[in-house]
PDB file of N, CA and C in Angstrom:
ATOM      1  N   MET A   1      29.490 -12.509 -28.543  1.00  0.00           N
ATOM      2  CA  MET A   1      30.591 -13.376 -28.929  1.00  0.00           C
ATOM      3  C   MET A   1      31.098 -13.049 -30.338  1.00  0.00           C
ATOM      4  N   ASP A   2      30.243 -12.447 -31.147  1.00  0.00           N
ATOM      5  CA  ASP A   2      30.663 -12.148 -32.515  1.00  0.00           C
ATOM      6  C   ASP A   2      31.860 -11.193 -32.593  1.00  0.00           C
ATOM      7  N   PRO A   3      31.943 -10.155 -31.752  1.00  0.00           N
ATOM      8  CA  PRO A   3      33.146  -9.310 -31.811  1.00  0.00           C
ATOM      9  C   PRO A   3      34.434 -10.088 -31.499  1.00  0.00           C
ATOM     10  N   LEU A   4      34.357 -11.011 -30.555  1.00  0.00           N
ATOM     11  CA  LEU A   4      35.523 -11.843 -30.255  1.00  0.00           C
ATOM     12  C   LEU A   4      35.867 -12.724 -31.456  1.00  0.00           C
ATOM     13  N   HIS A   5      34.857 -13.281 -32.086  1.00  0.00           N
ATOM     14  CA  HIS A   5      35.075 -14.110 -33.271  1.00  0.00           C
ATOM     15  C   HIS A   5      35.765 -13.303 -34.375  1.00  0.00           C
ATOM     16  N   GLN A   6      35.303 -12.086 -34.594  1.00  0.00           N
ATOM     17  CA  GLN A   6      35.917 -11.236 -35.619  1.00  0.00           C
ATOM     18  C   GLN A   6      37.370 -10.912 -35.282  1.00  0.00           C
ATOM     19  N   ALA A   7      37.645 -10.657 -34.019  1.00  0.00           N
ATOM     20  CA  ALA A   7      39.018 -10.379 -33.599  1.00  0.00           C
ATOM     21  C   ALA A   7      39.914 -11.603 -33.806  1.00  0.00           C
ATOM     22  N   LEU A   8      39.389 -12.774 -33.480  1.00  0.00           N
ATOM     23  CA  LEU A   8      40.164 -14.005 -33.692  1.00  0.00           C
ATOM     24  C   LEU A   8      40.426 -14.236 -35.174  1.00  0.00           C
ATOM     25  N   GLU A   9      39.451 -13.946 -36.007  1.00  0.00           N
ATOM     26  CA  GLU A   9      39.637 -14.098 -37.451  1.00  0.00           C
ATOM     27  C   GLU A   9      40.762 -13.186 -37.949  1.00  0.00           C
ATOM     28  N   ARG A  10      40.772 -11.948 -37.471  1.00  0.00           N
ATOM     29  CA  ARG A  10      41.847 -11.020 -37.862  1.00  0.00           C
ATOM     30  C   ARG A  10      43.201 -11.508 -37.367  1.00  0.00           C
ATOM     31  N   ASP A  11      43.253 -11.949 -36.119  1.00  0.00           N
ATOM     32  CA  ASP A  11      44.515 -12.435 -35.553  1.00  0.00           C
ATOM     33  C   ASP A  11      45.013 -13.663 -36.300  1.00  0.00           C
ATOM     34  N   PHE A  12      44.112 -14.599 -36.579  1.00  0.00           N
ATOM     35  CA  PHE A  12      44.515 -15.806 -37.285  1.00  0.00           C
ATOM     36  C   PHE A  12      45.018 -15.472 -38.687  1.00  0.00           C
ATOM     37  N   ALA A  13      44.341 -14.554 -39.371  1.00  0.00           N
ATOM     38  CA  ALA A  13      44.779 -14.159 -40.712  1.00  0.00           C
ATOM     39  C   ALA A  13      46.184 -13.564 -40.665  1.00  0.00           C
ATOM     40  N   LEU A  14      46.471 -12.744 -39.655  1.00  0.00           N
ATOM     41  CA  LEU A  14      47.791 -12.148 -39.523  1.00  0.00           C
ATOM     42  C   LEU A  14      48.852 -13.207 -39.238  1.00  0.00           C
ATOM     43  N   VAL A  15      48.572 -14.106 -38.323  1.00  0.00           N
ATOM     44  CA  VAL A  15      49.525 -15.165 -37.986  1.00  0.00           C
ATOM     45  C   VAL A  15      49.753 -16.069 -39.202  1.00  0.00           C
ATOM     46  N   ALA A  16      48.689 -16.411 -39.915  1.00  0.00           N
ATOM     47  CA  ALA A  16      48.830 -17.256 -41.109  1.00  0.00           C
ATOM     48  C   ALA A  16      49.685 -16.555 -42.165  1.00  0.00           C
ATOM     49  N   TYR A  17      49.482 -15.254 -42.325  1.00  0.00           N
ATOM     50  CA  TYR A  17      50.300 -14.489 -43.267  1.00  0.00           C
ATOM     51  C   TYR A  17      51.773 -14.540 -42.871  1.00  0.00           C
ATOM     52  N   LEU A  18      52.043 -14.327 -41.598  1.00  0.00           N
ATOM     53  CA  LEU A  18      53.430 -14.366 -41.128  1.00  0.00           C
ATOM     54  C   LEU A  18      54.052 -15.737 -41.330  1.00  0.00           C
ATOM     55  N   LEU A  19      53.284 -16.781 -41.095  1.00  0.00           N
ATOM     56  CA  LEU A  19      53.811 -18.134 -41.299  1.00  0.00           C
ATOM     57  C   LEU A  19      54.181 -18.373 -42.763  1.00  0.00           C
ATOM     58  N   ARG A  20      53.415 -17.793 -43.661  1.00  0.00           N
ATOM     59  CA  ARG A  20      53.681 -17.988 -45.092  1.00  0.00           C
ATOM     60  C   ARG A  20      54.807 -17.105 -45.608  1.00  0.00           C
ATOM     61  N   HIS A  21      54.964 -15.890 -45.052  1.00  0.00           N
ATOM     62  CA  HIS A  21      55.831 -14.912 -45.687  1.00  0.00           C
ATOM     63  C   HIS A  21      57.062 -14.478 -44.889  1.00  0.00           C
ATOM     64  N   ALA A  22      57.118 -14.763 -43.619  1.00  0.00           N
ATOM     65  CA  ALA A  22      58.267 -14.303 -42.824  1.00  0.00           C
ATOM     66  C   ALA A  22      59.493 -15.143 -43.144  1.00  0.00           C
ATOM     67  N   ALA A  23      60.557 -14.474 -43.510  1.00  0.00           N
ATOM     68  CA  ALA A  23      61.798 -15.162 -43.846  1.00  0.00           C
ATOM     69  C   ALA A  23      62.418 -15.761 -42.596  1.00  0.00           C
ATOM     70  N   GLY A  24      62.876 -16.982 -42.711  1.00  0.00           N
ATOM     71  CA  GLY A  24      63.584 -17.627 -41.622  1.00  0.00           C
ATOM     72  C   GLY A  24      62.704 -18.240 -40.553  1.00  0.00           C
ATOM     73  N   ILE A  25      61.403 -18.158 -40.697  1.00  0.00           N
ATOM     74  CA  ILE A  25      60.512 -18.749 -39.704  1.00  0.00           C
ATOM     75  C   ILE A  25      59.954 -20.044 -40.270  1.00  0.00           C
ATOM     76  N   GLU A  26      60.329 -21.121 -39.646  1.00  0.00           N
ATOM     77  CA  GLU A  26      59.895 -22.443 -40.069  1.00  0.00           C
ATOM     78  C   GLU A  26      59.181 -23.130 -38.927  1.00  0.00           C
ATOM     79  N   LEU A  27      57.998 -23.598 -39.181  1.00  0.00           N
ATOM     80  CA  LEU A  27      57.229 -24.349 -38.210  1.00  0.00           C
ATOM     81  C   LEU A  27      57.060 -25.747 -38.781  1.00  0.00           C
ATOM     82  N   ASP A  28      57.044 -26.747 -37.934  1.00  0.00           N
ATOM     83  CA  ASP A  28      56.840 -28.106 -38.396  1.00  0.00           C
ATOM     84  C   ASP A  28      55.572 -28.144 -39.251  1.00  0.00           C
ATOM     85  N   PRO A  29      55.679 -28.573 -40.522  1.00  0.00           N
ATOM     86  CA  PRO A  29      54.513 -28.548 -41.414  1.00  0.00           C
ATOM     87  C   PRO A  29      53.322 -29.344 -40.884  1.00  0.00           C
ATOM     88  N   LEU A  30      53.569 -30.483 -40.285  1.00  0.00           N
ATOM     89  CA  LEU A  30      52.468 -31.284 -39.758  1.00  0.00           C
ATOM     90  C   LEU A  30      51.758 -30.541 -38.629  1.00  0.00           C
ATOM     91  N   GLU A  31      52.539 -29.955 -37.726  1.00  0.00           N
ATOM     92  CA  GLU A  31      51.947 -29.194 -36.625  1.00  0.00           C
ATOM     93  C   GLU A  31      51.145 -28.013 -37.147  1.00  0.00           C
ATOM     94  N   ARG A  32      51.706 -27.293 -38.115  1.00  0.00           N
ATOM     95  CA  ARG A  32      51.020 -26.137 -38.678  1.00  0.00           C
ATOM     96  C   ARG A  32      49.705 -26.543 -39.338  1.00  0.00           C
ATOM     97  N   HIS A  33      49.732 -27.629 -40.107  1.00  0.00           N
ATOM     98  CA  HIS A  33      48.513 -28.090 -40.785  1.00  0.00           C
ATOM     99  C   HIS A  33      47.464 -28.576 -39.785  1.00  0.00           C
ATOM    100  N   MET A  34      47.905 -29.268 -38.759  1.00  0.00           N
ATOM    101  CA  MET A  34      46.949 -29.748 -37.757  1.00  0.00           C
ATOM    102  C   MET A  34      46.314 -28.589 -36.992  1.00  0.00           C
ATOM    103  N   LEU A  35      47.122 -27.609 -36.615  1.00  0.00           N
ATOM    104  CA  LEU A  35      46.581 -26.456 -35.894  1.00  0.00           C
ATOM    105  C   LEU A  35      45.645 -25.638 -36.782  1.00  0.00           C
ATOM    106  N   THR A  36      46.017 -25.485 -38.039  1.00  0.00           N
ATOM    107  CA  THR A  36      45.161 -24.756 -38.973  1.00  0.00           C
ATOM    108  C   THR A  36      43.844 -25.499 -39.182  1.00  0.00           C
ATOM    109  N   ALA A  37      43.907 -26.801 -39.324  1.00  0.00           N
ATOM    110  CA  ALA A  37      42.687 -27.591 -39.479  1.00  0.00           C
ATOM    111  C   ALA A  37      41.807 -27.501 -38.238  1.00  0.00           C
ATOM    112  N   ASP A  38      42.431 -27.548 -37.065  1.00  0.00           N
ATOM    113  CA  ASP A  38      41.680 -27.415 -35.817  1.00  0.00           C
ATOM    114  C   ASP A  38      40.984 -26.059 -35.761  1.00  0.00           C
ATOM    115  N   TYR A  39      41.698 -24.998 -36.106  1.00  0.00           N
ATOM    116  CA  TYR A  39      41.107 -23.664 -36.094  1.00  0.00           C
ATOM    117  C   TYR A  39      39.904 -23.604 -37.034  1.00  0.00           C
ATOM    118  N   ARG A  40      40.077 -24.106 -38.236  1.00  0.00           N
ATOM    119  CA  ARG A  40      38.993 -24.044 -39.231  1.00  0.00           C
ATOM    120  C   ARG A  40      37.791 -24.888 -38.821  1.00  0.00           C
ATOM    121  N   LEU A  41      38.044 -26.022 -38.203  1.00  0.00           N
ATOM    122  CA  LEU A  41      36.947 -26.853 -37.713  1.00  0.00           C
ATOM    123  C   LEU A  41      36.194 -26.143 -36.590  1.00  0.00           C
ATOM    124  N   MET A  42      36.923 -25.509 -35.690  1.00  0.00           N
ATOM    125  CA  MET A  42      36.272 -24.776 -34.600  1.00  0.00           C
ATOM    126  C   MET A  42      35.532 -23.543 -35.133  1.00  0.00           C
ATOM    127  N   ARG A  43      36.049 -22.939 -36.194  1.00  0.00           N
ATOM    128  CA  ARG A  43      35.350 -21.819 -36.836  1.00  0.00           C
ATOM    129  C   ARG A  43      33.989 -22.285 -37.352  1.00  0.00           C
ATOM    130  N   LEU A  44      33.983 -23.411 -38.010  1.00  0.00           N
ATOM    131  CA  LEU A  44      32.730 -23.985 -38.512  1.00  0.00           C
ATOM    132  C   LEU A  44      31.797 -24.331 -37.354  1.00  0.00           C
ATOM    133  N   TRP A  45      32.342 -24.951 -36.308  1.00  0.00           N
ATOM    134  CA  TRP A  45      31.540 -25.334 -35.146  1.00  0.00           C
ATOM    135  C   TRP A  45      30.937 -24.092 -34.474  1.00  0.00           C
ATOM    136  N   TYR A  46      31.707 -23.028 -34.395  1.00  0.00           N
ATOM    137  CA  TYR A  46      31.183 -21.786 -33.836  1.00  0.00           C
ATOM    138  C   TYR A  46      29.990 -21.295 -34.646  1.00  0.00           C
ATOM    139  N   ARG A  47      30.127 -21.269 -35.960  1.00  0.00           N
ATOM    140  CA  ARG A  47      29.046 -20.781 -36.814  1.00  0.00           C
ATOM    141  C   ARG A  47      27.789 -21.634 -36.686  1.00  0.00           C
ATOM    142  N   VAL A  48      27.968 -22.942 -36.526  1.00  0.00           N
ATOM    143  CA  VAL A  48      26.826 -23.845 -36.413  1.00  0.00           C
ATOM    144  C   VAL A  48      26.135 -23.688 -35.057  1.00  0.00           C
ATOM    145  N   THR A  49      26.896 -23.459 -34.006  1.00  0.00           N
ATOM    146  CA  THR A  49      26.335 -23.505 -32.658  1.00  0.00           C
ATOM    147  C   THR A  49      26.036 -22.152 -32.027  1.00  0.00           C
ATOM    148  N   ARG A  50      26.462 -21.056 -32.620  1.00  0.00           N
ATOM    149  CA  ARG A  50      26.383 -19.765 -31.930  1.00  0.00           C
ATOM    150  C   ARG A  50      24.967 -19.341 -31.551  1.00  0.00           C
ATOM    151  N   SER A  51      23.964 -19.684 -32.336  1.00  0.00           N
ATOM    152  CA  SER A  51      22.593 -19.273 -32.012  1.00  0.00           C
ATOM    153  C   SER A  51      21.907 -20.238 -31.057  1.00  0.00           C
ATOM    154  N   ALA A  52      22.003 -21.516 -31.358  1.00  0.00           N
ATOM    155  CA  ALA A  52      21.247 -22.511 -30.593  1.00  0.00           C
ATOM    156  C   ALA A  52      21.965 -22.994 -29.337  1.00  0.00           C
ATOM    157  N   PHE A  53      23.286 -23.029 -29.368  1.00  0.00           N
ATOM    158  CA  PHE A  53      24.060 -23.583 -28.258  1.00  0.00           C
ATOM    159  C   PHE A  53      25.211 -22.648 -27.887  1.00  0.00           C
ATOM    160  N   PRO A  54      24.912 -21.531 -27.231  1.00  0.00           N
ATOM    161  CA  PRO A  54      25.958 -20.544 -26.933  1.00  0.00           C
ATOM    162  C   PRO A  54      27.139 -21.092 -26.135  1.00  0.00           C
ATOM    163  N   ALA A  55      26.907 -22.022 -25.236  1.00  0.00           N
ATOM    164  CA  ALA A  55      28.021 -22.568 -24.449  1.00  0.00           C
ATOM    165  C   ALA A  55      28.996 -23.326 -25.341  1.00  0.00           C
ATOM    166  N   ARG A  56      28.476 -24.051 -26.297  1.00  0.00           N
ATOM    167  CA  ARG A  56      29.360 -24.775 -27.229  1.00  0.00           C
ATOM    168  C   ARG A  56      30.086 -23.812 -28.156  1.00  0.00           C
ATOM    169  N   ALA A  57      29.391 -22.749 -28.568  1.00  0.00           N
ATOM    170  CA  ALA A  57      30.027 -21.730 -29.403  1.00  0.00           C
ATOM    171  C   ALA A  57      31.164 -21.060 -28.636  1.00  0.00           C
ATOM    172  N   GLU A  58      30.941 -20.795 -27.365  1.00  0.00           N
ATOM    173  CA  GLU A  58      31.981 -20.200 -26.518  1.00  0.00           C
ATOM    174  C   GLU A  58      33.184 -21.130 -26.399  1.00  0.00           C
ATOM    175  N   SER A  59      32.919 -22.409 -26.274  1.00  0.00           N
ATOM    176  CA  SER A  59      33.998 -23.393 -26.213  1.00  0.00           C
ATOM    177  C   SER A  59      34.797 -23.397 -27.516  1.00  0.00           C
ATOM    178  N   ALA A  60      34.120 -23.276 -28.631  1.00  0.00           N
ATOM    179  CA  ALA A  60      34.802 -23.225 -29.927  1.00  0.00           C
ATOM    180  C   ALA A  60      35.692 -21.991 -30.005  1.00  0.00           C
ATOM    181  N   LEU A  61      35.201 -20.859 -29.511  1.00  0.00           N
ATOM    182  CA  LEU A  61      36.015 -19.639 -29.511  1.00  0.00           C
ATOM    183  C   LEU A  61      37.248 -19.795 -28.628  1.00  0.00           C
ATOM    184  N   ARG A  62      37.095 -20.457 -27.500  1.00  0.00           N
ATOM    185  CA  ARG A  62      38.264 -20.700 -26.622  1.00  0.00           C
ATOM    186  C   ARG A  62      39.309 -21.553 -27.342  1.00  0.00           C
ATOM    187  N   GLU A  63      38.857 -22.571 -28.056  1.00  0.00           N
ATOM    188  CA  GLU A  63      39.791 -23.429 -28.803  1.00  0.00           C
ATOM    189  C   GLU A  63      40.474 -22.629 -29.911  1.00  0.00           C
ATOM    190  N   MET A  64      39.714 -21.795 -30.602  1.00  0.00           N
ATOM    191  CA  MET A  64      40.294 -20.956 -31.651  1.00  0.00           C
ATOM    192  C   MET A  64      41.351 -20.025 -31.062  1.00  0.00           C
ATOM    193  N   ALA A  65      41.051 -19.432 -29.917  1.00  0.00           N
ATOM    194  CA  ALA A  65      42.005 -18.540 -29.258  1.00  0.00           C
ATOM    195  C   ALA A  65      43.259 -19.303 -28.832  1.00  0.00           C
ATOM    196  N   SER A  66      43.084 -20.535 -28.397  1.00  0.00           N
ATOM    197  CA  SER A  66      44.238 -21.357 -28.011  1.00  0.00           C
ATOM    198  C   SER A  66      45.138 -21.625 -29.205  1.00  0.00           C
ATOM    199  N   VAL A  67      44.544 -21.907 -30.343  1.00  0.00           N
ATOM    200  CA  VAL A  67      45.331 -22.162 -31.555  1.00  0.00           C
ATOM    201  C   VAL A  67      46.104 -20.908 -31.955  1.00  0.00           C
ATOM    202  N   VAL A  68      45.429 -19.763 -31.962  1.00  0.00           N
ATOM    203  CA  VAL A  68      46.101 -18.510 -32.314  1.00  0.00           C
ATOM    204  C   VAL A  68      47.227 -18.239 -31.321  1.00  0.00           C
ATOM    205  N   GLY A  69      46.983 -18.455 -30.054  1.00  0.00           N
ATOM    206  CA  GLY A  69      48.008 -18.242 -29.042  1.00  0.00           C
ATOM    207  C   GLY A  69      49.205 -19.159 -29.225  1.00  0.00           C
ATOM    208  N   LEU A  70      48.952 -20.415 -29.520  1.00  0.00           N
ATOM    209  CA  LEU A  70      50.045 -21.365 -29.720  1.00  0.00           C
ATOM    210  C   LEU A  70      50.855 -21.020 -30.966  1.00  0.00           C
ATOM    211  N   LEU A  71      50.184 -20.685 -32.054  1.00  0.00           N
ATOM    212  CA  LEU A  71      50.909 -20.298 -33.270  1.00  0.00           C
ATOM    213  C   LEU A  71      51.731 -19.039 -33.038  1.00  0.00           C
ATOM    214  N   THR A  72      51.180 -18.096 -32.307  1.00  0.00           N
ATOM    215  CA  THR A  72      51.907 -16.870 -31.991  1.00  0.00           C
ATOM    216  C   THR A  72      53.132 -17.179 -31.137  1.00  0.00           C
ATOM    217  N   HIS A  73      52.967 -18.064 -30.169  1.00  0.00           N
ATOM    218  CA  HIS A  73      54.091 -18.462 -29.325  1.00  0.00           C
ATOM    219  C   HIS A  73      55.195 -19.118 -30.166  1.00  0.00           C
ATOM    220  N   ARG A  74      54.800 -20.013 -31.059  1.00  0.00           N
ATOM    221  CA  ARG A  74      55.791 -20.676 -31.923  1.00  0.00           C
ATOM    222  C   ARG A  74      56.523 -19.651 -32.802  1.00  0.00           C
ATOM    223  N   LEU A  75      55.764 -18.681 -33.337  1.00  0.00           N
ATOM    224  CA  LEU A  75      56.396 -17.642 -34.148  1.00  0.00           C
ATOM    225  C   LEU A  75      57.398 -16.832 -33.338  1.00  0.00           C
ATOM    226  N   SER A  76      57.033 -16.491 -32.116  1.00  0.00           N
ATOM    227  CA  SER A  76      57.943 -15.701 -31.281  1.00  0.00           C
ATOM    228  C   SER A  76      59.185 -16.509 -30.924  1.00  0.00           C
ATOM    229  N   GLN A  77      59.050 -17.804 -30.704  1.00  0.00           N
ATOM    230  CA  GLN A  77      60.214 -18.648 -30.426  1.00  0.00           C
ATOM    231  C   GLN A  77      61.146 -18.678 -31.633  1.00  0.00           C
ATOM    232  N   GLN A  78      60.570 -18.792 -32.821  1.00  0.00           N
ATOM    233  CA  GLN A  78      61.369 -18.853 -34.038  1.00  0.00           C
ATOM    234  C   GLN A  78      62.080 -17.512 -34.314  1.00  0.00           C
ATOM    235  N   SER A  79      61.365 -16.425 -34.045  1.00  0.00           N
ATOM    236  CA  SER A  79      61.972 -15.117 -34.338  1.00  0.00           C
ATOM    237  C   SER A  79      63.119 -14.798 -33.386  1.00  0.00           C
ATOM    238  N   VAL A  80      63.064 -15.305 -32.162  1.00  0.00           N
ATOM    239  CA  VAL A  80      64.143 -15.096 -31.204  1.00  0.00           C
ATOM    240  C   VAL A  80      65.352 -15.945 -31.584  1.00  0.00           C
ATOM    241  N   ALA A  81      65.085 -17.162 -32.062  1.00  0.00           N
ATOM    242  CA  ALA A  81      66.178 -18.088 -32.425  1.00  0.00           C
ATOM    243  C   ALA A  81      66.833 -17.632 -33.674  1.00  0.00           C
TER     244      ALA A  81
END
């Protein structure tokens, strides 16, 4: 699961960079903050559970992937508009 976690970390860092620096891309600040907080909470949960509770760690990775996917979708909608 660690390689997937590392890939998600890279993807999230890239999406976060684009949200901060891409001209003309605006996401609702509340939505962005909530999704970012959710991602960071699941990151912590993954680190806590990965050794003792692999199923819960896997669930945290799925949630992290969902957040990255949703942010990416929002970015693509904004870039088309």
